[in-house]
């Protein structure tokens, strides 16, 4: 479990922050007060998902409009055939705890 110090305050100001990890680039965003950590590039053509927009519980890539469920990264619309990796995260006081040791969320199922 990694601790990103002071990320609660940083997300309240910036809402979307890209972080470099051993697993590659990820984006941390605040969705209705809940931290969501997902891979920074769209699995379709590598579009930057820090520029993606949120609508109706979906994250939509600005390049080709692939849409992913924010909670688990499942691809639900658009040209992407792959799900978006999402990593478990939660706030602990002012810090963000991210479980980089776990595989990204399995988006299979309903």
Foldseek 3Di string as FASTA:
>chain_A
DDKAAQVLVVCVVVQWDWDQDPVGIWIWGADPNWIKIWHQADQQPGAGQSPWDDDPQWTFGPPFGFIARRPQQHTDDTDDPDGIFIWDWGDDVSIIDTDPVDGGHDPDDD
